Amino acid sequence: VGNDVNILEKLPFALLAGLNALPNKNGIYT
């Protein structure tokens, strides 16, 4: 995580990506 990013705000995105749960074009995760 870059120094200018709030880790608590961005961490759910990173962890979801680690579960191979990337959002579709409408921001929906499965």
PDB file of all heavy atoms in Angstrom:
ATOM      1  N   VAL A   1       0.852  -1.179   0.000  1.00  0.00           N
ATOM      2  CA  VAL A   1       0.000   0.000   0.000  1.00  0.00           C
ATOM      3  C   VAL A   1       0.886   1.226   0.000  1.00  0.00           C
ATOM      4  O   VAL A   1       1.796   1.343   0.813  1.00  0.00           O
ATOM      5  CB  VAL A   1      -0.921   0.012   1.241  1.00  0.00           C
ATOM      6  CG1 VAL A   1      -1.805   1.243   1.235  1.00  0.00           C
ATOM      7  CG2 VAL A   1      -1.752  -1.252   1.296  1.00  0.00           C
ATOM      8  N   GLY A   2       0.664   2.146  -0.945  1.00  0.00           N
ATOM      9  CA  GLY A   2       1.441   3.384  -1.015  1.00  0.00           C
ATOM     10  C   GLY A   2       1.245   4.217   0.239  1.00  0.00           C
ATOM     11  O   GLY A   2       0.249   4.098   0.950  1.00  0.00           O
ATOM     12  N   ASN A   3       2.215   5.104   0.524  1.00  0.00           N
ATOM     13  CA  ASN A   3       2.176   5.915   1.737  1.00  0.00           C
ATOM     14  C   ASN A   3       0.983   6.863   1.786  1.00  0.00           C
ATOM     15  O   ASN A   3       0.548   7.260   2.860  1.00  0.00           O
ATOM     16  CB  ASN A   3       3.468   6.728   1.875  1.00  0.00           C
ATOM     17  CG  ASN A   3       4.660   5.834   2.137  1.00  0.00           C
ATOM     18  OD1 ASN A   3       4.511   4.755   2.692  1.00  0.00           O
ATOM     19  ND2 ASN A   3       5.836   6.281   1.732  1.00  0.00           N
ATOM     20  N   ASP A   4       0.455   7.240   0.622  1.00  0.00           N
ATOM     21  CA  ASP A   4      -0.634   8.212   0.584  1.00  0.00           C
ATOM     22  C   ASP A   4      -2.016   7.569   0.677  1.00  0.00           C
ATOM     23  O   ASP A   4      -3.026   8.241   0.577  1.00  0.00           O
ATOM     24  CB  ASP A   4      -0.549   9.046  -0.688  1.00  0.00           C
ATOM     25  CG  ASP A   4      -0.705   8.203  -1.950  1.00  0.00           C
ATOM     26  OD1 ASP A   4      -0.432   6.999  -1.888  1.00  0.00           O
ATOM     27  OD2 ASP A   4      -1.105   8.769  -2.985  1.00  0.00           O
ATOM     28  N   VAL A   5      -2.077   6.263   0.890  1.00  0.00           N
ATOM     29  CA  VAL A   5      -3.350   5.550   0.891  1.00  0.00           C
ATOM     30  C   VAL A   5      -3.691   5.111   2.312  1.00  0.00           C
ATOM     31  O   VAL A   5      -2.849   4.606   3.035  1.00  0.00           O
ATOM     32  CB  VAL A   5      -3.266   4.307  -0.031  1.00  0.00           C
ATOM     33  CG1 VAL A   5      -4.560   3.519   0.018  1.00  0.00           C
ATOM     34  CG2 VAL A   5      -2.960   4.740  -1.454  1.00  0.00           C
ATOM     35  N   ASN A   6      -4.945   5.302   2.712  1.00  0.00           N
ATOM     36  CA  ASN A   6      -5.411   4.820   4.005  1.00  0.00           C
ATOM     37  C   ASN A   6      -5.582   3.307   3.909  1.00  0.00           C
ATOM     38  O   ASN A   6      -6.485   2.825   3.240  1.00  0.00           O
ATOM     39  CB  ASN A   6      -6.745   5.499   4.356  1.00  0.00           C
ATOM     40  CG  ASN A   6      -7.307   5.013   5.679  1.00  0.00           C
ATOM     41  OD1 ASN A   6      -6.945   3.965   6.195  1.00  0.00           O
ATOM     42  ND2 ASN A   6      -8.203   5.807   6.238  1.00  0.00           N
ATOM     43  N   ILE A   7      -4.727   2.542   4.579  1.00  0.00           N
ATOM     44  CA  ILE A   7      -4.732   1.084   4.437  1.00  0.00           C
ATOM     45  C   ILE A   7      -6.060   0.470   4.872  1.00  0.00           C
ATOM     46  O   ILE A   7      -6.535  -0.476   4.265  1.00  0.00           O
ATOM     47  CB  ILE A   7      -3.551   0.439   5.195  1.00  0.00           C
ATOM     48  CG1 ILE A   7      -3.452  -1.054   4.847  1.00  0.00           C
ATOM     49  CG2 ILE A   7      -3.688   0.630   6.689  1.00  0.00           C
ATOM     50  CD1 ILE A   7      -2.186  -1.709   5.272  1.00  0.00           C
ATOM     51  N   LEU A   8      -6.691   1.012   5.901  1.00  0.00           N
ATOM     52  CA  LEU A   8      -7.960   0.445   6.347  1.00  0.00           C
ATOM     53  C   LEU A   8      -9.061   0.654   5.318  1.00  0.00           C
ATOM     54  O   LEU A   8      -9.978  -0.141   5.209  1.00  0.00           O
ATOM     55  CB  LEU A   8      -8.373   1.046   7.687  1.00  0.00           C
ATOM     56  CG  LEU A   8      -7.474   0.677   8.866  1.00  0.00           C
ATOM     57  CD1 LEU A   8      -7.946   1.388  10.129  1.00  0.00           C
ATOM     58  CD2 LEU A   8      -7.429  -0.822   9.077  1.00  0.00           C
ATOM     59  N   GLU A   9      -8.945   1.723   4.540  1.00  0.00           N
ATOM     60  CA  GLU A   9      -9.934   1.983   3.493  1.00  0.00           C
ATOM     61  C   GLU A   9      -9.720   1.074   2.294  1.00  0.00           C
ATOM     62  O   GLU A   9     -10.668   0.591   1.687  1.00  0.00           O
ATOM     63  CB  GLU A   9      -9.830   3.445   3.057  1.00  0.00           C
ATOM     64  CG  GLU A   9     -10.769   3.830   1.939  1.00  0.00           C
ATOM     65  CD  GLU A   9     -10.571   5.265   1.522  1.00  0.00           C
ATOM     66  OE1 GLU A   9     -10.462   6.142   2.396  1.00  0.00           O
ATOM     67  OE2 GLU A   9     -10.504   5.510   0.305  1.00  0.00           O
ATOM     68  N   LYS A  10      -8.484   0.811   1.924  1.00  0.00           N
ATOM     69  CA  LYS A  10      -8.179   0.048   0.718  1.00  0.00           C
ATOM     70  C   LYS A  10      -8.010  -1.443   0.953  1.00  0.00           C
ATOM     71  O   LYS A  10      -8.094  -2.226   0.023  1.00  0.00           O
ATOM     72  CB  LYS A  10      -6.901   0.592   0.053  1.00  0.00           C
ATOM     73  CG  LYS A  10      -7.006   2.026  -0.390  1.00  0.00           C
ATOM     74  CD  LYS A  10      -8.075   2.212  -1.436  1.00  0.00           C
ATOM     75  CE  LYS A  10      -8.159   3.651  -1.877  1.00  0.00           C
ATOM     76  NZ  LYS A  10      -9.202   3.893  -2.840  1.00  0.00           N
ATOM     77  N   LEU A  11      -7.797  -1.861   2.186  1.00  0.00           N
ATOM     78  CA  LEU A  11      -7.531  -3.266   2.469  1.00  0.00           C
ATOM     79  C   LEU A  11      -8.641  -4.209   2.009  1.00  0.00           C
ATOM     80  O   LEU A  11      -8.338  -5.269   1.467  1.00  0.00           O
ATOM     81  CB  LEU A  11      -7.224  -3.461   3.953  1.00  0.00           C
ATOM     82  CG  LEU A  11      -6.591  -4.790   4.330  1.00  0.00           C
ATOM     83  CD1 LEU A  11      -5.312  -5.028   3.539  1.00  0.00           C
ATOM     84  CD2 LEU A  11      -6.298  -4.837   5.806  1.00  0.00           C
ATOM     85  N   PRO A  12      -9.931  -3.884   2.176  1.00  0.00           N
ATOM     86  CA  PRO A  12     -10.955  -4.819   1.675  1.00  0.00           C
ATOM     87  C   PRO A  12     -10.812  -5.111   0.184  1.00  0.00           C
ATOM     88  O   PRO A  12     -11.001  -6.237  -0.243  1.00  0.00           O
ATOM     89  CB  PRO A  12     -12.276  -4.090   1.964  1.00  0.00           C
ATOM     90  CG  PRO A  12     -11.962  -3.197   3.104  1.00  0.00           C
ATOM     91  CD  PRO A  12     -10.538  -2.759   2.886  1.00  0.00           C
ATOM     92  N   PHE A  13     -10.436  -4.106  -0.616  1.00  0.00           N
ATOM     93  CA  PHE A  13     -10.230  -4.330  -2.040  1.00  0.00           C
ATOM     94  C   PHE A  13      -9.101  -5.320  -2.262  1.00  0.00           C
ATOM     95  O   PHE A  13      -9.206  -6.249  -3.050  1.00  0.00           O
ATOM     96  CB  PHE A  13      -9.878  -3.019  -2.759  1.00  0.00           C
ATOM     97  CG  PHE A  13     -11.002  -2.056  -2.854  1.00  0.00           C
ATOM     98  CD1 PHE A  13     -11.086  -0.987  -1.986  1.00  0.00           C
ATOM     99  CD2 PHE A  13     -11.988  -2.202  -3.818  1.00  0.00           C
ATOM    100  CE1 PHE A  13     -12.127  -0.086  -2.078  1.00  0.00           C
ATOM    101  CE2 PHE A  13     -13.028  -1.307  -3.917  1.00  0.00           C
ATOM    102  CZ  PHE A  13     -13.096  -0.240  -3.038  1.00  0.00           C
ATOM    103  N   ALA A  14      -8.000  -5.134  -1.554  1.00  0.00           N
ATOM    104  CA  ALA A  14      -6.836  -5.992  -1.716  1.00  0.00           C
ATOM    105  C   ALA A  14      -7.139  -7.423  -1.304  1.00  0.00           C
ATOM    106  O   ALA A  14      -6.781  -8.374  -1.994  1.00  0.00           O
ATOM    107  CB  ALA A  14      -5.668  -5.442  -0.904  1.00  0.00           C
ATOM    108  N   LEU A  15      -7.805  -7.588  -0.169  1.00  0.00           N
ATOM    109  CA  LEU A  15      -8.097  -8.925   0.323  1.00  0.00           C
ATOM    110  C   LEU A  15      -9.121  -9.632  -0.554  1.00  0.00           C
ATOM    111  O   LEU A  15      -9.012 -10.830  -0.796  1.00  0.00           O
ATOM    112  CB  LEU A  15      -8.557  -8.865   1.770  1.00  0.00           C
ATOM    113  CG  LEU A  15      -7.474  -8.407   2.748  1.00  0.00           C
ATOM    114  CD1 LEU A  15      -8.059  -8.169   4.123  1.00  0.00           C
ATOM    115  CD2 LEU A  15      -6.332  -9.394   2.814  1.00  0.00           C
ATOM    116  N   LEU A  16     -10.123  -8.900  -1.038  1.00  0.00           N
ATOM    117  CA  LEU A  16     -11.088  -9.499  -1.953  1.00  0.00           C
ATOM    118  C   LEU A  16     -10.386  -9.966  -3.216  1.00  0.00           C
ATOM    119  O   LEU A  16     -10.677 -11.035  -3.746  1.00  0.00           O
ATOM    120  CB  LEU A  16     -12.200  -8.508  -2.293  1.00  0.00           C
ATOM    121  CG  LEU A  16     -13.251  -8.325  -1.209  1.00  0.00           C
ATOM    122  CD1 LEU A  16     -14.083  -7.087  -1.470  1.00  0.00           C
ATOM    123  CD2 LEU A  16     -14.137  -9.540  -1.101  1.00  0.00           C
ATOM    124  N   ALA A  17      -9.442  -9.190  -3.698  1.00  0.00           N
ATOM    125  CA  ALA A  17      -8.679  -9.592  -4.875  1.00  0.00           C
ATOM    126  C   ALA A  17      -7.886 -10.857  -4.584  1.00  0.00           C
ATOM    127  O   ALA A  17      -7.759 -11.733  -5.433  1.00  0.00           O
ATOM    128  CB  ALA A  17      -7.750  -8.465  -5.318  1.00  0.00           C
ATOM    129  N   GLY A  18      -7.377 -10.991  -3.358  1.00  0.00           N
ATOM    130  CA  GLY A  18      -6.659 -12.188  -2.961  1.00  0.00           C
ATOM    131  C   GLY A  18      -7.541 -13.430  -2.952  1.00  0.00           C
ATOM    132  O   GLY A  18      -7.049 -14.542  -3.080  1.00  0.00           O
ATOM    133  N   LEU A  19      -8.849 -13.254  -2.824  1.00  0.00           N
ATOM    134  CA  LEU A  19      -9.796 -14.372  -2.891  1.00  0.00           C
ATOM    135  C   LEU A  19     -10.294 -14.579  -4.321  1.00  0.00           C
ATOM    136  O   LEU A  19     -11.223 -15.343  -4.546  1.00  0.00           O
ATOM    137  CB  LEU A  19     -11.006 -14.105  -1.982  1.00  0.00           C
ATOM    138  CG  LEU A  19     -10.741 -14.125  -0.495  1.00  0.00           C
ATOM    139  CD1 LEU A  19     -11.988 -13.710   0.267  1.00  0.00           C
ATOM    140  CD2 LEU A  19     -10.283 -15.494  -0.051  1.00  0.00           C
ATOM    141  N   ASN A  20      -9.679 -13.882  -5.264  1.00  0.00           N
ATOM    142  CA  ASN A  20     -10.085 -13.919  -6.674  1.00  0.00           C
ATOM    143  C   ASN A  20     -11.521 -13.415  -6.826  1.00  0.00           C
ATOM    144  O   ASN A  20     -12.288 -13.911  -7.644  1.00  0.00           O
ATOM    145  CB  ASN A  20      -9.938 -15.316  -7.262  1.00  0.00           C
ATOM    146  CG  ASN A  20      -9.924 -15.281  -8.781  1.00  0.00           C
ATOM    147  OD1 ASN A  20      -9.546 -14.275  -9.371  1.00  0.00           O
ATOM    148  ND2 ASN A  20     -10.346 -16.357  -9.412  1.00  0.00           N
ATOM    149  N   ALA A  21     -11.870 -12.423  -6.022  1.00  0.00           N
ATOM    150  CA  ALA A  21     -13.199 -11.824  -6.079  1.00  0.00           C
ATOM    151  C   ALA A  21     -13.053 -10.389  -6.565  1.00  0.00           C
ATOM    152  O   ALA A  21     -13.126  -9.446  -5.787  1.00  0.00           O
ATOM    153  CB  ALA A  21     -13.869 -11.870  -4.716  1.00  0.00           C
ATOM    154  N   LEU A  22     -12.798 -10.242  -7.835  1.00  0.00           N
ATOM    155  CA  LEU A  22     -12.685  -8.908  -8.417  1.00  0.00           C
ATOM    156  C   LEU A  22     -14.052  -8.475  -8.914  1.00  0.00           C
ATOM    157  O   LEU A  22     -14.835  -9.292  -9.396  1.00  0.00           O
ATOM    158  CB  LEU A  22     -11.663  -8.917  -9.547  1.00  0.00           C
ATOM    159  CG  LEU A  22     -10.251  -9.302  -9.111  1.00  0.00           C
ATOM    160  CD1 LEU A  22      -9.339  -9.426 -10.319  1.00  0.00           C
ATOM    161  CD2 LEU A  22      -9.699  -8.271  -8.141  1.00  0.00           C
ATOM    162  N   PRO A  23     -14.372  -7.188  -8.800  1.00  0.00           N
ATOM    163  CA  PRO A  23     -15.710  -6.747  -9.189  1.00  0.00           C
ATOM    164  C   PRO A  23     -15.909  -6.760 -10.700  1.00  0.00           C
ATOM    165  O   PRO A  23     -14.959  -6.615 -11.457  1.00  0.00           O
ATOM    166  CB  PRO A  23     -15.767  -5.318  -8.648  1.00  0.00           C
ATOM    167  CG  PRO A  23     -14.347  -4.863  -8.663  1.00  0.00           C
ATOM    168  CD  PRO A  23     -13.533  -6.093  -8.340  1.00  0.00           C
ATOM    169  N   ASN A  24     -17.179  -6.916 -11.118  1.00  0.00           N
ATOM    170  CA  ASN A  24     -17.490  -6.767 -12.538  1.00  0.00           C
ATOM    171  C   ASN A  24     -17.559  -5.278 -12.856  1.00  0.00           C
ATOM    172  O   ASN A  24     -17.287  -4.431 -11.998  1.00  0.00           O
ATOM    173  CB  ASN A  24     -18.784  -7.511 -12.901  1.00  0.00           C
ATOM    174  CG  ASN A  24     -20.024  -6.917 -12.277  1.00  0.00           C
ATOM    175  OD1 ASN A  24     -20.050  -5.764 -11.824  1.00  0.00           O
ATOM    176  ND2 ASN A  24     -21.091  -7.696 -12.236  1.00  0.00           N
ATOM    177  N   LYS A  25     -17.924  -4.929 -14.066  1.00  0.00           N
ATOM    178  CA  LYS A  25     -17.904  -3.516 -14.486  1.00  0.00           C
ATOM    179  C   LYS A  25     -18.897  -2.662 -13.701  1.00  0.00           C
ATOM    180  O   LYS A  25     -18.784  -1.445 -13.677  1.00  0.00           O
ATOM    181  CB  LYS A  25     -18.169  -3.407 -15.978  1.00  0.00           C
ATOM    182  CG  LYS A  25     -19.529  -3.863 -16.411  1.00  0.00           C
ATOM    183  CD  LYS A  25     -19.715  -3.752 -17.905  1.00  0.00           C
ATOM    184  CE  LYS A  25     -21.103  -4.252 -18.286  1.00  0.00           C
ATOM    185  NZ  LYS A  25     -21.351  -4.119 -19.701  1.00  0.00           N
ATOM    186  N   ASN A  26     -19.851  -3.288 -13.034  1.00  0.00           N
ATOM    187  CA  ASN A  26     -20.825  -2.554 -12.220  1.00  0.00           C
ATOM    188  C   ASN A  26     -20.441  -2.510 -10.738  1.00  0.00           C
ATOM    189  O   ASN A  26     -21.236  -2.082  -9.909  1.00  0.00           O
ATOM    190  CB  ASN A  26     -22.210  -3.182 -12.366  1.00  0.00           C
ATOM    191  CG  ASN A  26     -22.724  -3.092 -13.782  1.00  0.00           C
ATOM    192  OD1 ASN A  26     -22.563  -2.067 -14.444  1.00  0.00           O
ATOM    193  ND2 ASN A  26     -23.316  -4.161 -14.266  1.00  0.00           N
ATOM    194  N   GLY A  27     -19.235  -2.990 -10.394  1.00  0.00           N
ATOM    195  CA  GLY A  27     -18.786  -2.976  -9.004  1.00  0.00           C
ATOM    196  C   GLY A  27     -19.384  -4.070  -8.145  1.00  0.00           C
ATOM    197  O   GLY A  27     -19.386  -3.975  -6.924  1.00  0.00           O
ATOM    198  N   ILE A  28     -19.864  -5.137  -8.793  1.00  0.00           N
ATOM    199  CA  ILE A  28     -20.476  -6.250  -8.063  1.00  0.00           C
ATOM    200  C   ILE A  28     -19.453  -7.373  -7.898  1.00  0.00           C
ATOM    201  O   ILE A  28     -18.824  -7.798  -8.859  1.00  0.00           O
ATOM    202  CB  ILE A  28     -21.718  -6.794  -8.817  1.00  0.00           C
ATOM    203  CG1 ILE A  28     -22.739  -5.682  -9.064  1.00  0.00           C
ATOM    204  CG2 ILE A  28     -22.325  -7.974  -8.072  1.00  0.00           C
ATOM    205  CD1 ILE A  28     -23.366  -5.112  -7.828  1.00  0.00           C
ATOM    206  N   TYR A  29     -19.309  -7.848  -6.666  1.00  0.00           N
ATOM    207  CA  TYR A  29     -18.432  -8.969  -6.343  1.00  0.00           C
ATOM    208  C   TYR A  29     -19.272 -10.241  -6.231  1.00  0.00           C
ATOM    209  O   TYR A  29     -20.440 -10.191  -5.864  1.00  0.00           O
ATOM    210  CB  TYR A  29     -17.734  -8.748  -4.998  1.00  0.00           C
ATOM    211  CG  TYR A  29     -16.755  -7.617  -4.990  1.00  0.00           C
ATOM    212  CD1 TYR A  29     -17.174  -6.307  -4.796  1.00  0.00           C
ATOM    213  CD2 TYR A  29     -15.402  -7.857  -5.153  1.00  0.00           C
ATOM    214  CE1 TYR A  29     -16.265  -5.268  -4.772  1.00  0.00           C
ATOM    215  CE2 TYR A  29     -14.481  -6.824  -5.133  1.00  0.00           C
ATOM    216  CZ  TYR A  29     -14.917  -5.525  -4.940  1.00  0.00           C
ATOM    217  OH  TYR A  29     -14.022  -4.497  -4.921  1.00  0.00           O
ATOM    218  N   THR A  30     -18.654 -11.387  -6.504  1.00  0.00           N
ATOM    219  CA  THR A  30     -19.328 -12.675  -6.382  1.00  0.00           C
ATOM    220  C   THR A  30     -18.472 -13.618  -5.536  1.00  0.00           C
ATOM    221  O   THR A  30     -17.287 -13.782  -5.801  1.00  0.00           O
ATOM    222  CB  THR A  30     -19.544 -13.312  -7.774  1.00  0.00           C
ATOM    223  OG1 THR A  30     -20.309 -12.425  -8.572  1.00  0.00           O
ATOM    224  CG2 THR A  30     -20.261 -14.641  -7.663  1.00  0.00           C
TER     225      THR A  30
END
